[in-house]
Amino acid sequence: MTMKGVSEGMSVKDMLADILSREQFISDRLSEILHGEAYAPSVSQVAFDQFYEQNGYPDYESSLIRKDKPDHLVIYKHKNIALDEVISQELAAFSNIMTAFEKLTHEQCLNQDVYHRIAEHTYRPYRRVGTEIRGWLIRITSELK
């Protein structure tokens, strides 16, 4: 799980760290919706950098980021964190998403495009990563034969 080379020199752990940060992002946005706080995606590099510094992950809904690519600063930040801890944090973030989602009204979900946003930051990254991991497992298995 920590062996590099799955995709773009990343390990499965690196990929999970990227997903963790995306889930933390949407978890925090859902919390803001519940508390009536406003969120606007970063439109300048200065605002983007400030968002990252304040939250510890990028503004994944900003037009300044490639949404389909992992953030290497996030991966580097998790470099010395044990795999079990990354998984534990990811499970906690997902639990927070579910808890917040259950508290939202249908109107809040529609007004804030919650269904789409949750998908963008949870199962869609998992699908992308899952495809890459399966391809990597096929490659290393064939190399061992």
Protein backbone atom coordinates (compact mmCIF):
# COMPACT_ATOMS: atom_id res chain seq x y z
CA MET A 1 0.00 0.00 0.00
CA THR A 2 2.99 2.31 0.40
CA MET A 3 4.95 1.10 -2.64
CA LYS A 4 5.36 3.90 -5.21
CA GLY A 5 4.48 3.39 -8.84
CA VAL A 6 0.71 2.92 -8.86
CA SER A 7 0.14 6.11 -10.83
CA GLU A 8 2.42 9.08 -11.43
CA GLY A 9 4.89 7.71 -8.88
CA MET A 10 2.26 7.55 -6.15
CA SER A 11 1.40 4.74 -3.76
CA VAL A 12 -2.06 3.57 -2.74
CA LYS A 13 -1.50 5.48 0.53
CA ASP A 14 -0.76 8.67 -1.45
CA MET A 15 -3.97 8.21 -3.41
CA LEU A 16 -5.95 7.70 -0.21
CA ALA A 17 -4.41 10.88 1.25
CA ASP A 18 -5.64 12.77 -1.81
CA ILE A 19 -9.15 11.35 -1.36
CA LEU A 20 -9.01 12.17 2.36
CA SER A 21 -8.34 15.83 1.57
CA ARG A 22 -11.23 15.92 -0.91
CA GLU A 23 -13.55 14.41 1.68
CA GLN A 24 -12.34 16.89 4.30
CA PHE A 25 -13.07 19.65 1.81
CA ILE A 26 -16.69 18.61 1.19
CA SER A 27 -17.24 17.79 4.86
CA ASP A 28 -16.27 21.35 5.76
CA ARG A 29 -18.44 22.81 2.99
CA LEU A 30 -21.45 20.82 4.24
CA SER A 31 -20.81 22.08 7.76
CA GLU A 32 -20.77 25.64 6.40
CA ILE A 33 -24.12 25.05 4.68
CA LEU A 34 -25.60 23.74 7.95
CA HIS A 35 -24.39 26.84 9.79
CA GLY A 36 -25.54 29.28 7.10
CA GLU A 37 -21.99 30.28 6.20
CA ALA A 38 -21.14 31.36 2.68
CA TYR A 39 -18.47 29.70 0.58
CA ALA A 40 -17.18 31.04 -2.70
CA PRO A 41 -14.50 29.26 -4.74
CA SER A 42 -11.14 31.02 -4.91
CA VAL A 43 -10.79 33.11 -8.05
CA SER A 44 -7.29 34.48 -7.49
CA GLN A 45 -4.04 32.72 -6.71
CA VAL A 46 -3.70 34.75 -3.51
CA ALA A 47 -7.16 33.65 -2.31
CA PHE A 48 -6.38 30.07 -3.35
CA ASP A 49 -3.12 30.08 -1.37
CA GLN A 50 -4.85 31.59 1.67
CA PHE A 51 -7.58 28.94 1.49
CA TYR A 52 -4.95 26.21 1.39
CA GLU A 53 -3.01 27.69 4.30
CA GLN A 54 -6.15 28.12 6.40
CA ASN A 55 -7.65 24.68 5.69
CA GLY A 56 -4.68 22.43 4.96
CA TYR A 57 -6.11 21.29 1.62
CA PRO A 58 -6.76 23.02 -1.70
CA ASP A 59 -9.97 24.72 -2.75
CA TYR A 60 -11.17 21.83 -4.89
CA GLU A 61 -14.03 23.84 -6.35
CA SER A 62 -11.80 26.65 -7.57
CA SER A 63 -11.21 27.03 -11.28
CA LEU A 64 -7.49 27.33 -10.42
CA ILE A 65 -7.08 23.60 -9.72
CA ARG A 66 -7.16 20.53 -11.93
CA LYS A 67 -9.94 18.55 -10.31
CA ASP A 68 -8.91 15.23 -11.87
CA LYS A 69 -5.30 15.40 -10.67
CA PRO A 70 -4.00 14.68 -7.16
CA ASP A 71 -2.52 17.56 -5.19
CA HIS A 72 1.12 16.75 -4.53
CA LEU A 73 1.33 19.12 -1.54
CA VAL A 74 -1.43 17.11 0.15
CA ILE A 75 0.44 13.90 -0.59
CA TYR A 76 3.68 15.36 0.76
CA LYS A 77 1.88 16.54 3.90
CA HIS A 78 0.82 12.93 4.58
CA LYS A 79 4.21 11.45 3.76
CA ASN A 80 5.15 10.76 7.39
CA ILE A 81 1.67 9.83 8.56
CA ALA A 82 1.07 6.11 8.96
CA LEU A 83 -1.29 4.39 6.53
CA ASP A 84 -3.59 3.38 9.40
CA GLU A 85 -3.89 7.03 10.45
CA VAL A 86 -4.69 8.17 6.89
CA ILE A 87 -7.41 5.52 6.70
CA SER A 88 -8.72 6.49 10.15
CA GLN A 89 -8.90 10.17 9.14
CA GLU A 90 -10.60 9.28 5.86
CA LEU A 91 -13.24 7.22 7.66
CA ALA A 92 -13.84 10.09 10.10
CA ALA A 93 -14.19 12.59 7.24
CA PHE A 94 -16.67 10.32 5.45
CA SER A 95 -18.64 9.87 8.67
CA ASN A 96 -18.77 13.68 9.02
CA ILE A 97 -20.08 13.93 5.45
CA MET A 98 -22.85 11.45 6.18
CA THR A 99 -23.77 13.12 9.47
CA ALA A 100 -23.97 16.56 7.86
CA PHE A 101 -25.85 15.25 4.84
CA GLU A 102 -28.51 13.67 7.06
CA LYS A 103 -29.10 17.06 8.72
CA LEU A 104 -29.52 19.01 5.47
CA THR A 105 -32.97 19.76 4.16
CA HIS A 106 -33.94 18.79 0.64
CA GLU A 107 -34.03 22.49 -0.27
CA GLN A 108 -30.50 23.04 1.03
CA CYS A 109 -29.31 20.09 -1.01
CA LEU A 110 -30.90 21.45 -4.16
CA ASN A 111 -29.89 25.08 -3.59
CA GLN A 112 -26.27 24.16 -2.87
CA ASP A 113 -25.99 21.38 -5.49
CA VAL A 114 -25.05 19.02 -2.65
CA TYR A 115 -25.75 15.77 -4.49
CA HIS A 116 -23.32 16.64 -7.28
CA ARG A 117 -20.73 18.13 -4.94
CA ILE A 118 -20.65 15.09 -2.67
CA ALA A 119 -20.22 12.82 -5.69
CA GLU A 120 -17.37 14.97 -7.01
CA HIS A 121 -15.43 14.67 -3.75
CA THR A 122 -16.21 11.11 -2.66
CA TYR A 123 -17.11 8.27 -4.99
CA ARG A 124 -15.84 9.78 -8.25
CA PRO A 125 -12.26 10.08 -6.95
CA TYR A 126 -12.57 6.54 -5.56
CA ARG A 127 -13.64 5.27 -8.99
CA ARG A 128 -10.70 7.01 -10.68
CA VAL A 129 -8.23 5.70 -8.12
CA GLY A 130 -9.77 2.23 -8.16
CA THR A 131 -9.23 1.97 -11.90
CA GLU A 132 -5.60 3.03 -11.53
CA ILE A 133 -4.98 0.57 -8.68
CA ARG A 134 -6.55 -2.33 -10.60
CA GLY A 135 -4.34 -1.54 -13.62
CA TRP A 136 -1.27 -1.40 -11.40
CA LEU A 137 -2.13 -4.73 -9.74
CA ILE A 138 -2.50 -6.35 -13.17
CA ARG A 139 0.90 -4.94 -14.25
CA ILE A 140 2.79 -6.09 -11.17
CA THR A 141 1.07 -9.48 -11.19
CA SER A 142 2.07 -10.07 -14.81
CA GLU A 143 5.66 -9.00 -14.01
CA LEU A 144 5.85 -11.59 -11.23
CA LYS A 145 4.86 -14.46 -13.55
